[in-house]
Protein backbone atom coordinates (compact mmCIF):
# COMPACT_ATOMS: atom_id res chain seq x y z
CA UNK A 1 20.57 -51.03 17.75
CA UNK A 2 16.54 -50.60 17.51
CA UNK A 3 16.90 -47.64 19.79
CA UNK A 4 19.34 -46.46 16.92
CA UNK A 5 16.29 -46.37 14.36
CA UNK A 6 13.86 -46.09 16.24
CA UNK A 7 15.52 -42.27 17.26
CA UNK A 8 16.63 -41.47 13.41
CA UNK A 9 12.72 -42.78 12.51
CA UNK A 10 12.06 -39.97 15.11
CA UNK A 11 14.29 -37.33 13.23
CA UNK A 12 12.82 -38.12 9.61
CA UNK A 13 9.69 -37.95 11.24
CA UNK A 14 9.74 -34.73 13.10
CA UNK A 15 11.37 -33.47 9.76
CA UNK A 16 8.75 -33.67 7.44
CA UNK A 17 6.84 -31.75 10.66
CA UNK A 18 8.91 -29.48 10.49
CA UNK A 19 9.02 -29.28 6.25
CA UNK A 20 4.97 -29.31 6.38
CA UNK A 21 4.51 -27.02 9.07
CA UNK A 22 6.66 -24.44 6.92
CA UNK A 23 4.93 -25.16 3.87
CA UNK A 24 1.35 -24.48 5.46
CA UNK A 25 2.60 -21.27 6.94
CA UNK A 26 3.55 -20.68 3.09
CA UNK A 27 0.45 -21.27 1.99
CA UNK A 28 -1.33 -19.30 4.12
CA UNK A 29 0.34 -16.14 3.48
CA UNK A 30 -2.69 -15.19 0.64
CA UNK A 31 -2.77 -12.00 -0.70
CA UNK A 32 -5.04 -9.07 0.18
CA UNK A 33 -8.47 -9.09 -1.54
CA UNK A 34 -8.16 -7.64 -4.31
CA UNK A 35 -9.93 -6.88 -7.86
CA UNK A 36 -7.70 -7.37 -10.88
CA UNK A 37 -8.68 -6.31 -14.53
CA UNK A 38 -7.48 -9.59 -16.87
CA UNK A 39 -5.27 -9.44 -18.89
CA UNK A 40 -4.00 -6.78 -17.38
CA UNK A 41 -0.43 -6.77 -18.80
CA UNK A 42 -2.38 -6.80 -21.98
CA UNK A 43 -2.90 -2.48 -20.55
CA UNK A 44 0.15 -1.17 -21.33
CA UNK A 45 0.46 0.26 -18.08
CA UNK A 46 3.59 2.06 -17.50
CA UNK A 47 3.02 5.17 -16.11
CA UNK A 48 1.13 5.29 -13.38
CA UNK A 49 0.21 8.61 -11.96
CA UNK A 50 -0.48 7.99 -7.64
CA UNK A 51 -2.52 11.51 -7.33
CA UNK A 52 -2.57 13.46 -3.76
CA UNK A 53 -4.36 11.52 -0.86
CA UNK A 54 -8.07 11.79 0.08
CA UNK A 55 -8.30 12.34 4.12
CA UNK A 56 -11.22 11.79 6.04
CA UNK A 57 -9.24 11.51 9.32
CA UNK A 58 -7.76 14.87 8.67
CA UNK A 59 -4.17 13.16 9.04
CA UNK A 60 -2.22 15.16 6.12
CA UNK A 61 1.41 14.33 7.48
CA UNK A 62 0.00 10.16 6.94
CA UNK A 63 -0.96 11.17 4.00
CA UNK A 64 1.42 12.48 2.61
CA UNK A 65 3.86 9.81 3.59
CA UNK A 66 1.72 6.92 2.78
CA UNK A 67 1.55 9.00 -1.52
CA UNK A 68 5.62 9.22 -0.94
CA UNK A 69 6.26 5.16 -0.46
CA UNK A 70 3.50 4.26 -2.98
CA UNK A 71 4.84 6.04 -5.41
CA UNK A 72 8.83 4.46 -4.15
CA UNK A 73 7.22 1.03 -3.69
CA UNK A 74 6.17 1.49 -7.93
CA UNK A 75 9.46 2.53 -8.82
CA UNK A 76 10.64 -1.46 -7.00
CA UNK A 77 7.74 -2.51 -9.20
CA UNK A 78 9.09 -1.60 -12.37
CA UNK A 79 7.24 1.86 -13.27
CA UNK A 80 8.89 4.52 -13.84
CA UNK A 81 9.21 6.61 -11.45
CA UNK A 82 6.57 10.53 -11.51
CA UNK A 83 7.88 12.89 -9.09
CA UNK A 84 5.19 14.13 -7.46
CA UNK A 85 6.07 17.62 -6.95
CA UNK A 86 5.60 18.03 -11.14
CA UNK A 87 2.02 15.90 -10.92
CA UNK A 88 0.54 18.73 -8.13
CA UNK A 89 1.98 21.44 -10.25
CA UNK A 90 0.64 20.13 -13.01
CA UNK A 91 -3.29 19.10 -11.50
CA UNK A 92 -3.18 22.71 -9.97
CA UNK A 93 -3.40 24.19 -12.93
CA UNK A 94 -6.66 22.94 -14.51
CA UNK A 95 -7.75 21.54 -11.21
CA UNK A 96 -6.78 25.02 -8.64
CA UNK A 97 -9.14 24.30 -6.26
CA UNK A 98 -9.27 20.19 -5.54
CA UNK A 99 -6.62 19.73 -3.03
CA UNK A 100 -7.49 15.75 -2.47
CA UNK A 101 -8.86 14.23 -5.93
CA UNK A 102 -11.55 12.10 -6.60
CA UNK A 103 -12.66 9.62 -9.03
CA UNK A 104 -16.14 12.50 -9.32
CA UNK A 105 -13.98 15.43 -8.83
CA UNK A 106 -10.61 14.69 -10.95
CA UNK A 107 -11.82 11.78 -13.50
CA UNK A 108 -9.76 9.38 -15.08
CA UNK A 109 -9.36 10.65 -18.25
CA UNK A 110 -9.17 14.90 -17.48
CA UNK A 111 -6.15 13.04 -15.22
CA UNK A 112 -4.64 10.86 -17.93
CA UNK A 113 -4.64 14.22 -20.35
CA UNK A 114 -3.04 16.54 -17.92
CA UNK A 115 -0.37 14.55 -16.67
CA UNK A 116 0.09 12.40 -19.82
CA UNK A 117 0.22 8.79 -18.01
CA UNK A 118 -1.35 5.29 -19.15
CA UNK A 119 -3.15 5.05 -15.47
CA UNK A 120 -4.01 7.46 -12.11
CA UNK A 121 -4.24 5.84 -8.76
CA UNK A 122 -6.46 7.36 -5.85
CA UNK A 123 -5.73 6.94 -2.47
CA UNK A 124 -8.06 7.16 -0.09
CA UNK A 125 -7.74 7.31 4.02
CA UNK A 126 -11.11 5.70 5.60
CA UNK A 127 -9.88 5.38 8.94
CA UNK A 128 -6.26 6.93 11.10
CA UNK A 129 -6.18 7.23 14.32
CA UNK A 130 -4.46 7.07 17.27
CA UNK A 131 -4.88 5.54 21.58
CA UNK A 132 -2.40 6.57 24.40
CA UNK A 133 -2.12 3.93 27.22
CA UNK A 134 1.02 5.25 29.46
CA UNK A 135 3.82 4.35 28.16
CA UNK A 136 2.55 2.92 24.73
CA UNK A 137 0.24 4.06 21.60
CA UNK A 138 -1.54 2.53 19.33
CA UNK A 139 -2.34 3.02 15.65
CA UNK A 140 -4.80 2.47 13.06
CA UNK A 141 -4.81 3.00 9.38
CA UNK A 142 -7.40 1.89 7.33
CA UNK A 143 -7.53 3.20 3.43
CA UNK A 144 -8.41 2.29 0.17
CA UNK A 145 -6.74 2.40 -3.40
CA UNK A 146 -7.75 2.57 -6.51
CA UNK A 147 -6.60 2.07 -10.36
CA UNK A 148 -7.73 3.55 -13.51
CA UNK A 149 -6.82 3.10 -17.04
CA UNK A 150 -6.54 7.07 -18.27
CA UNK A 151 -7.75 6.06 -21.46
CA UNK A 152 -11.03 4.44 -21.32
CA UNK A 153 -11.67 5.19 -17.76
CA UNK A 154 -11.85 1.46 -17.16
CA UNK A 155 -10.79 0.15 -13.20
CA UNK A 156 -7.91 -1.42 -13.14
CA UNK A 157 -7.11 -2.47 -10.14
CA UNK A 158 -8.58 -1.83 -6.76
CA UNK A 159 -7.74 -2.96 -2.91
CA UNK A 160 -8.36 -2.06 0.63
CA UNK A 161 -5.87 -2.98 3.97
CA UNK A 162 -6.57 -2.37 7.20
CA UNK A 163 -2.61 -2.25 9.85
CA UNK A 164 -2.46 -1.77 13.25
CA UNK A 165 0.82 -1.05 14.92
CA UNK A 166 2.25 -0.40 18.94
CA UNK A 167 4.46 2.12 19.51
CA UNK A 168 6.46 2.31 23.28
CA UNK A 169 8.91 5.21 24.35
CA UNK A 170 9.51 5.95 28.47
CA UNK A 171 8.30 10.09 28.33
CA UNK A 172 4.72 9.60 27.19
CA UNK A 173 4.23 12.54 25.67
CA UNK A 174 6.50 12.39 22.68
CA UNK A 175 4.53 9.31 21.60
CA UNK A 176 2.42 12.43 20.72
CA UNK A 177 4.39 14.29 18.71
CA UNK A 178 6.20 12.34 16.84
CA UNK A 179 3.81 11.51 14.25
CA UNK A 180 6.01 10.46 11.74
CA UNK A 181 7.02 7.52 14.52
CA UNK A 182 4.05 6.26 15.61
CA UNK A 183 2.18 6.06 12.10
CA UNK A 184 5.34 4.93 10.44
CA UNK A 185 4.63 0.75 11.10
CA UNK A 186 1.13 1.11 9.88
CA UNK A 187 2.03 2.46 6.04
CA UNK A 188 4.75 0.75 6.40
CA UNK A 189 2.60 -2.59 6.73
CA UNK A 190 -0.30 -1.20 4.27
CA UNK A 191 1.91 -0.39 1.79
CA UNK A 192 3.57 -4.05 1.05
CA UNK A 193 0.09 -5.89 1.77
CA UNK A 194 -1.16 -3.17 -1.11
CA UNK A 195 2.05 -3.44 -3.48
CA UNK A 196 1.64 -7.23 -3.00
CA UNK A 197 -1.65 -6.81 -5.23
CA UNK A 198 -0.48 -4.95 -8.05
CA UNK A 199 1.75 -7.18 -11.02
CA UNK A 200 4.57 -5.23 -11.55
CA UNK A 201 5.59 -3.21 -14.59
CA UNK A 202 6.60 -3.31 -17.66
CA UNK A 203 10.36 -1.44 -16.74
CA UNK A 204 12.11 1.09 -16.14
C-alpha cells in the first residue's frame, strides 16, 4: 500500500517538475532587444513601405530575399501588402542615383511623400558571410531594422539581430553555388525574431 502511494507521489512530483521546466523554457523565450515608441498603436501606422536594403557586405541576393520576407511578414501581421516593384519604380523617379537608401540619403518624410505611406522601413545588412569546411557550410547574418513615421520623421521602432546556420551537402561545390539555400535558414530566423518585436497592424 505504502509502495503504491510512494509511486503515485513520485509521479506527481515528476509531473510538477515537467510543468515547471516547460514554463521556465517558455518564460525564457523573450523577445530580442528592441526599441519601440510608447503608444505605438496611437500612431495609426497602417501602410509600411519596405525600402531597398542597404548592404555593406556585397550580398545582393541575400538582401533581396530578406526584403521580400520582411514584406511578407508584415502582411501576416495585418499590414497591407505594398508591391516592392512599385516602391522601387516610384523612388527611382525622384532618387535615380540612390539604390540603397538610408535615413540621410532618403529622409523618411521625403520617401513617405513619394510613396503615400504611413511609415518606411530601412534595412541594413551589417555582416554576411559564410565559411566552408569540407561538406559543411556555416553562414552568418547580422542585420538592423528601423521604422520611421513619415509625418513627423520620428523613429517608431528599431532592432537588430544576428543569426548563424549550418548546411550540409555531399557535393561541396554545390554549397558554394547555391547562395539562396545557404542563407535561407539564417534569413528565416532573422525575420522571425525581428518581426516578433513589431506590434501587429490595424488590419487589412
